[in-house]
Amino acid sequence: MEERTTIDVIMVEPGKEARVMTMNDSLEAMQDAVGGLIEEYMPFEDEVALICNDEGKLLGMPPSRAIRTDDGQVVDVIAGPFFIAYAPIESENFLSMPEELREKYLEKFRQPERFFRTSEGIKVVKFDPNSEREHAHEQR
């Protein structure tokens, strides 16, 4: 069996656009990517895993992205950086994202989100980190 040394994943960080990233296929590299102990979360129908910091919320990491149902309801908010890897049932390891899933999840998480507490719960708004208006607003 050939030794895999890297995998291609979708990297998602608070306030930044999602991107494809090549990372070492090791526990240490995965922990570095999320800033601590990893937790595997599989909220999607596809065979993909969202790997986040196990203690992201407890540590007060900034919210990164909302996880939604098919009809758009927010069911969870991931705190801190996370990545998405291919995780077929028959594999013991995370694998590189196949092209069709890579595009789907890159698009799903592309735009950063801001989170606001309201009387109805958490409101989530996508924003463009490259927008001039955004940067001018942040400098006030």
Protein backbone atom coordinates (compact mmCIF):
# COMPACT_ATOMS: atom_id res chain seq x y z
CA MET A 1 0.00 0.00 0.00
CA GLU A 2 1.38 3.40 -0.92
CA GLU A 3 2.08 5.89 1.85
CA ARG A 4 0.01 9.08 1.57
CA THR A 5 1.78 12.13 2.88
CA THR A 6 -0.60 14.97 2.01
CA ILE A 7 -4.31 15.50 1.43
CA ASP A 8 -6.25 18.34 -0.23
CA VAL A 9 -8.95 19.79 2.01
CA ILE A 10 -11.27 22.80 2.11
CA MET A 11 -9.87 25.17 4.77
CA VAL A 12 -12.36 27.54 6.41
CA GLU A 13 -11.32 30.30 8.81
CA PRO A 14 -13.29 33.05 10.56
CA GLY A 15 -13.48 36.21 8.44
CA LYS A 16 -11.75 34.65 5.40
CA GLU A 17 -12.90 33.03 2.17
CA ALA A 18 -12.76 29.23 2.11
CA ARG A 19 -9.87 27.81 0.09
CA VAL A 20 -8.36 24.54 -1.02
CA MET A 21 -5.31 23.69 1.07
CA THR A 22 -2.82 20.84 0.90
CA MET A 23 -1.91 19.59 4.36
CA ASN A 24 0.24 16.83 5.76
CA ASP A 25 -1.79 13.70 6.44
CA SER A 26 -0.93 13.62 10.14
CA LEU A 27 -2.71 14.21 13.41
CA GLU A 28 -0.26 17.01 14.23
CA ALA A 29 -0.97 18.88 10.98
CA MET A 30 -4.72 18.54 11.55
CA GLN A 31 -4.41 19.82 15.12
CA ASP A 32 -2.29 22.75 13.90
CA ALA A 33 -4.92 23.62 11.28
CA VAL A 34 -7.71 23.89 13.88
CA GLY A 35 -5.60 25.18 16.78
CA GLY A 36 -6.05 22.25 19.16
CA LEU A 37 -7.64 18.85 19.65
CA ILE A 38 -9.67 17.74 16.62
CA GLU A 39 -13.30 16.70 16.52
CA GLU A 40 -14.87 14.98 13.52
CA TYR A 41 -18.40 16.18 12.69
CA MET A 42 -20.45 14.71 9.81
CA PRO A 43 -23.60 16.85 9.40
CA PHE A 44 -23.84 16.43 5.62
CA GLU A 45 -25.30 13.69 3.41
CA ASP A 46 -22.07 13.44 1.41
CA GLU A 47 -19.22 11.34 2.77
CA VAL A 48 -17.30 14.34 4.02
CA ALA A 49 -16.15 15.20 7.52
CA LEU A 50 -15.89 18.65 9.03
CA ILE A 51 -12.86 18.64 11.32
CA CYS A 52 -12.90 21.39 13.91
CA ASN A 53 -11.38 22.23 17.29
CA ASP A 54 -12.99 20.00 19.91
CA GLU A 55 -13.02 22.92 22.37
CA GLY A 56 -13.49 25.82 19.92
CA LYS A 57 -16.61 27.17 21.66
CA LEU A 58 -15.25 26.58 25.17
CA LEU A 59 -12.04 28.41 24.28
CA GLY A 60 -14.04 31.37 22.96
CA MET A 61 -12.70 31.06 19.41
CA PRO A 62 -14.47 33.42 16.99
CA PRO A 63 -17.47 31.95 15.17
CA SER A 64 -16.56 30.82 11.67
CA ARG A 65 -19.57 29.42 9.77
CA ALA A 66 -23.11 28.28 10.40
CA ILE A 67 -24.18 24.72 9.64
CA ARG A 68 -27.64 24.71 8.07
CA THR A 69 -30.34 22.22 7.19
CA ASP A 70 -31.36 21.85 3.53
CA ASP A 71 -34.05 24.51 4.08
CA GLY A 72 -31.58 27.01 5.53
CA GLN A 73 -32.23 26.64 9.27
CA VAL A 74 -29.10 27.18 11.38
CA VAL A 75 -28.45 24.04 13.45
CA ASP A 76 -24.93 24.79 14.69
CA VAL A 77 -22.17 27.37 14.54
CA ILE A 78 -18.57 26.20 14.19
CA ALA A 79 -16.10 28.22 16.28
CA GLY A 80 -12.56 28.73 15.05
CA PRO A 81 -10.91 27.36 11.93
CA PHE A 82 -12.02 24.04 10.45
CA PHE A 83 -11.46 21.97 7.37
CA ILE A 84 -13.51 19.57 5.29
CA ALA A 85 -12.03 16.30 4.07
CA TYR A 86 -13.37 13.31 2.16
CA ALA A 87 -14.35 10.59 4.64
CA PRO A 88 -15.79 7.53 2.91
CA ILE A 89 -17.23 4.97 5.32
CA GLU A 90 -14.81 2.25 4.20
CA SER A 91 -11.70 4.38 4.86
CA GLU A 92 -9.98 4.70 8.22
CA ASN A 93 -8.33 7.96 7.13
CA PHE A 94 -9.43 11.30 5.81
CA LEU A 95 -8.79 11.60 2.07
CA SER A 96 -8.40 14.39 -0.47
CA MET A 97 -11.66 15.94 -1.60
CA PRO A 98 -12.81 14.60 -4.99
CA GLU A 99 -13.28 17.38 -7.57
CA GLU A 100 -17.13 17.48 -7.51
CA LEU A 101 -17.27 17.59 -3.69
CA ARG A 102 -14.41 20.09 -3.56
CA GLU A 103 -16.36 22.54 -5.72
CA LYS A 104 -19.62 21.97 -3.82
CA TYR A 105 -18.13 22.62 -0.37
CA LEU A 106 -15.85 25.42 -1.52
CA GLU A 107 -18.97 27.20 -2.75
CA LYS A 108 -21.02 26.30 0.36
CA PHE A 109 -18.47 27.87 2.73
CA ARG A 110 -16.78 30.38 0.39
CA GLN A 111 -18.07 33.61 1.96
CA PRO A 112 -17.24 34.45 5.57
CA GLU A 113 -20.15 35.05 7.94
CA ARG A 114 -20.84 37.43 10.80
CA PHE A 115 -23.00 36.40 13.73
CA PHE A 116 -25.38 38.62 15.70
CA ARG A 117 -27.38 37.75 18.79
CA THR A 118 -31.02 38.85 18.39
CA SER A 119 -34.23 38.29 20.34
CA GLU A 120 -35.10 35.54 17.83
CA GLY A 121 -31.71 33.83 18.25
CA ILE A 122 -28.52 34.02 16.24
CA LYS A 123 -28.66 35.96 12.97
CA VAL A 124 -26.05 35.01 10.35
CA VAL A 125 -24.97 37.37 7.56
CA LYS A 126 -22.52 36.53 4.76
CA PHE A 127 -20.02 39.25 3.86
CA ASP A 128 -17.27 39.91 1.32
CA PRO A 129 -13.91 40.27 3.08
CA ASN A 130 -12.50 42.05 0.02
CA SER A 131 -15.18 44.74 -0.14
CA GLU A 132 -13.93 48.34 0.18
CA ARG A 133 -17.00 49.25 2.21
CA GLU A 134 -16.24 46.45 4.69
CA HIS A 135 -12.68 47.70 5.26
CA ALA A 136 -13.76 51.34 5.58
CA HIS A 137 -16.46 50.32 8.06
CA GLU A 138 -13.98 48.29 10.16
CA GLN A 139 -11.57 51.23 10.44
CA ARG A 140 -14.08 53.59 12.05
